[in-house]
Amino acid sequence: MPEIAICFFDLSQLFKLFPKTDRKLNHKIQQYELEIQENMAENRCKLFNL
């Protein structure tokens, strides 16, 4: 599953490269990254606790 995480985090890094400073967008990106990390951790727990 690291490939999926790398894909999502690379996408977030791409958005950070845009010169426009948008606090709402940055906050949404941070929320999205946190949600993805939590989901990935939950999926790993489910996968290895079968």
Protein backbone atom coordinates (compact mmCIF):
# COMPACT_ATOMS: atom_id res chain seq x y z
CA MET A 1 0.00 0.00 0.00
CA PRO A 2 2.92 2.44 0.09
CA GLU A 3 2.39 3.12 -3.61
CA ILE A 4 -1.06 4.55 -2.91
CA ALA A 5 0.23 6.73 -0.08
CA ILE A 6 3.08 8.02 -2.25
CA CYS A 7 0.62 8.88 -5.02
CA PHE A 8 -1.62 10.90 -2.68
CA PHE A 9 1.24 12.66 -0.92
CA ASP A 10 2.97 13.49 -4.21
CA LEU A 11 -0.31 15.01 -5.38
CA SER A 12 -0.48 17.17 -2.26
CA GLN A 13 3.13 18.27 -2.82
CA LEU A 14 2.18 19.31 -6.36
CA PHE A 15 -0.58 21.55 -5.02
CA LYS A 16 1.89 23.15 -2.60
CA LEU A 17 4.07 24.24 -5.54
CA PHE A 18 1.46 26.67 -6.85
CA PRO A 19 2.48 30.24 -5.97
CA LYS A 20 -1.02 31.30 -4.93
CA THR A 21 -1.40 31.51 -1.15
CA ASP A 22 -4.84 30.28 -0.26
CA ARG A 23 -5.36 29.52 3.41
CA LYS A 24 -8.62 27.67 2.78
CA LEU A 25 -6.95 25.44 0.20
CA ASN A 26 -3.97 24.80 2.47
CA HIS A 27 -6.31 23.88 5.32
CA LYS A 28 -8.28 21.54 3.05
CA ILE A 29 -5.04 19.91 1.88
CA GLN A 30 -3.93 19.39 5.48
CA GLN A 31 -7.30 17.87 6.38
CA TYR A 32 -7.13 15.64 3.31
CA GLU A 33 -3.60 14.46 4.16
CA LEU A 34 -4.62 13.69 7.74
CA GLU A 35 -7.72 11.81 6.59
CA ILE A 36 -5.70 9.75 4.11
CA GLN A 37 -3.10 8.89 6.75
CA GLU A 38 -5.82 7.82 9.20
CA ASN A 39 -7.57 5.74 6.54
CA MET A 40 -4.33 4.05 5.52
CA ALA A 41 -3.52 3.23 9.17
CA GLU A 42 -7.02 1.81 9.67
CA ASN A 43 -6.70 -0.28 6.50
CA ARG A 44 -3.33 -1.65 7.65
CA CYS A 45 -4.85 -2.62 11.00
CA LYS A 46 -7.72 -4.39 9.25
CA LEU A 47 -5.34 -6.13 6.86
CA PHE A 48 -2.99 -7.47 9.51
CA ASN A 49 -5.62 -8.29 12.15
CA LEU A 50 -7.50 -10.86 10.07
